[in-house]
Amino acid sequence: MATITLFHGSPHESVTPDYGLGNDKHDYGRGFYLTANVELAKEWAVCRPDESN
């Protein structure tokens, strides 16, 4: 079986998924989103529309 590396757009090095949490406003609703595209995960990590800087 092949290994698949997935990335989560988080500013944290290690994350533990909490299922059923999240924001209903995401494109696909609540969930723990992963991607095989590291560049996309980097975009997700800096996109925080609910936080003010």
N, C-alpha and C. Protein backbone atom coordinates (compact mmCIF):
# COMPACT_ATOMS: atom_id res chain seq x y z
N MET A 1 0.84 -1.17 0.00
CA MET A 1 0.00 0.00 0.00
C MET A 1 0.90 1.24 0.00
N ALA A 2 0.57 2.20 -0.83
CA ALA A 2 1.36 3.42 -0.94
C ALA A 2 1.04 4.37 0.21
N THR A 3 2.03 5.16 0.58
CA THR A 3 1.86 6.18 1.61
C THR A 3 1.41 7.47 0.96
N ILE A 4 0.43 8.12 1.55
CA ILE A 4 -0.05 9.41 1.07
C ILE A 4 0.25 10.44 2.15
N THR A 5 0.91 11.51 1.79
CA THR A 5 1.18 12.59 2.72
C THR A 5 0.14 13.67 2.52
N LEU A 6 -0.52 14.03 3.61
CA LEU A 6 -1.54 15.07 3.56
C LEU A 6 -1.13 16.21 4.50
N PHE A 7 -1.56 17.41 4.16
CA PHE A 7 -1.23 18.60 4.93
C PHE A 7 -2.49 19.27 5.42
N HIS A 8 -2.38 19.89 6.60
CA HIS A 8 -3.48 20.66 7.17
C HIS A 8 -3.02 22.10 7.29
N GLY A 9 -3.84 23.04 6.88
CA GLY A 9 -3.48 24.45 6.92
C GLY A 9 -3.55 25.01 8.32
N SER A 10 -2.55 24.74 9.11
CA SER A 10 -2.52 25.19 10.48
C SER A 10 -1.18 25.84 10.77
N PRO A 11 -1.15 26.86 11.63
CA PRO A 11 0.13 27.43 12.02
C PRO A 11 0.88 26.54 13.01
N HIS A 12 0.27 25.44 13.44
CA HIS A 12 0.88 24.53 14.41
C HIS A 12 1.56 23.36 13.70
N GLU A 13 2.69 22.93 14.22
CA GLU A 13 3.43 21.83 13.61
C GLU A 13 2.67 20.51 13.70
N SER A 14 1.99 20.29 14.81
CA SER A 14 1.25 19.06 15.01
C SER A 14 -0.19 19.39 15.42
N VAL A 15 -1.14 18.71 14.81
CA VAL A 15 -2.55 18.94 15.14
C VAL A 15 -3.25 17.60 15.35
N THR A 16 -4.25 17.62 16.20
CA THR A 16 -5.10 16.46 16.41
C THR A 16 -6.50 16.84 15.97
N PRO A 17 -7.06 16.14 15.00
CA PRO A 17 -8.39 16.54 14.51
C PRO A 17 -9.48 16.35 15.56
N ASP A 18 -10.36 17.33 15.65
CA ASP A 18 -11.56 17.25 16.48
C ASP A 18 -12.74 17.21 15.53
N TYR A 19 -13.35 16.07 15.38
CA TYR A 19 -14.43 15.91 14.42
C TYR A 19 -15.71 16.55 14.93
N GLY A 20 -16.46 17.15 14.00
CA GLY A 20 -17.72 17.79 14.34
C GLY A 20 -17.56 19.25 14.71
N LEU A 21 -16.32 19.73 14.76
CA LEU A 21 -16.08 21.13 15.06
C LEU A 21 -15.81 21.88 13.76
N GLY A 22 -15.52 23.13 13.87
CA GLY A 22 -15.23 23.91 12.68
C GLY A 22 -16.32 24.94 12.44
N ASN A 23 -16.25 25.54 11.29
CA ASN A 23 -17.13 26.64 10.94
C ASN A 23 -18.06 26.24 9.80
N ASP A 24 -19.34 26.49 9.95
CA ASP A 24 -20.31 26.18 8.88
C ASP A 24 -20.07 27.00 7.62
N LYS A 25 -19.31 28.09 7.73
CA LYS A 25 -19.09 28.98 6.60
C LYS A 25 -18.03 28.48 5.62
N HIS A 26 -17.33 27.41 5.96
CA HIS A 26 -16.35 26.86 5.02
C HIS A 26 -17.06 26.34 3.78
N ASP A 27 -16.32 26.22 2.68
CA ASP A 27 -16.89 25.79 1.41
C ASP A 27 -17.69 24.50 1.52
N TYR A 28 -17.20 23.56 2.33
CA TYR A 28 -17.85 22.26 2.44
C TYR A 28 -18.43 22.02 3.83
N GLY A 29 -18.64 23.08 4.59
CA GLY A 29 -19.22 22.94 5.93
C GLY A 29 -18.17 22.57 6.96
N ARG A 30 -18.65 22.08 8.09
CA ARG A 30 -17.75 21.71 9.18
C ARG A 30 -16.89 20.53 8.77
N GLY A 31 -15.68 20.51 9.27
CA GLY A 31 -14.82 19.39 8.96
C GLY A 31 -13.36 19.70 9.24
N PHE A 32 -12.54 18.73 9.06
CA PHE A 32 -11.09 18.84 9.22
C PHE A 32 -10.51 18.68 7.83
N TYR A 33 -10.13 19.78 7.21
CA TYR A 33 -9.72 19.78 5.82
C TYR A 33 -8.25 19.43 5.65
N LEU A 34 -7.97 18.55 4.70
CA LEU A 34 -6.61 18.13 4.37
C LEU A 34 -6.40 18.27 2.88
N THR A 35 -5.15 18.42 2.48
CA THR A 35 -4.81 18.49 1.07
C THR A 35 -3.47 17.82 0.83
N ALA A 36 -3.29 17.31 -0.35
CA ALA A 36 -2.01 16.74 -0.74
C ALA A 36 -1.08 17.83 -1.28
N ASN A 37 -1.61 19.05 -1.46
CA ASN A 37 -0.87 20.16 -2.03
C ASN A 37 -0.31 21.03 -0.90
N VAL A 38 0.99 21.00 -0.69
CA VAL A 38 1.61 21.74 0.41
C VAL A 38 1.42 23.25 0.24
N GLU A 39 1.43 23.74 -0.98
CA GLU A 39 1.25 25.18 -1.21
C GLU A 39 -0.15 25.63 -0.81
N LEU A 40 -1.14 24.82 -1.08
CA LEU A 40 -2.51 25.15 -0.68
C LEU A 40 -2.62 25.16 0.85
N ALA A 41 -2.00 24.21 1.50
CA ALA A 41 -2.02 24.17 2.97
C ALA A 41 -1.38 25.42 3.55
N LYS A 42 -0.31 25.91 2.92
CA LYS A 42 0.33 27.14 3.38
C LYS A 42 -0.62 28.32 3.26
N GLU A 43 -1.40 28.36 2.19
CA GLU A 43 -2.40 29.43 2.03
C GLU A 43 -3.45 29.34 3.13
N TRP A 44 -3.92 28.14 3.42
CA TRP A 44 -4.91 27.96 4.47
C TRP A 44 -4.37 28.40 5.83
N ALA A 45 -3.09 28.16 6.06
CA ALA A 45 -2.49 28.47 7.36
C ALA A 45 -2.47 29.97 7.65
N VAL A 46 -2.42 30.79 6.64
CA VAL A 46 -2.37 32.25 6.86
C VAL A 46 -3.73 32.91 6.65
N CYS A 47 -4.71 32.19 6.16
CA CYS A 47 -6.04 32.75 5.92
C CYS A 47 -6.89 32.56 7.17
N ARG A 48 -7.07 33.63 7.93
CA ARG A 48 -7.85 33.60 9.16
C ARG A 48 -8.88 34.72 9.12
N PRO A 49 -9.95 34.57 8.34
CA PRO A 49 -10.91 35.66 8.19
C PRO A 49 -11.62 36.07 9.47
N ASP A 50 -11.68 35.19 10.47
CA ASP A 50 -12.38 35.50 11.71
C ASP A 50 -11.50 36.23 12.73
N GLU A 51 -10.21 36.38 12.41
CA GLU A 51 -9.29 37.03 13.34
C GLU A 51 -8.93 38.40 12.80
N SER A 52 -8.83 39.37 13.66
CA SER A 52 -8.38 40.70 13.25
C SER A 52 -6.92 40.86 13.64
N ASN A 53 -6.14 41.44 12.75
CA ASN A 53 -4.69 41.64 13.00
C ASN A 53 -4.41 43.10 13.27
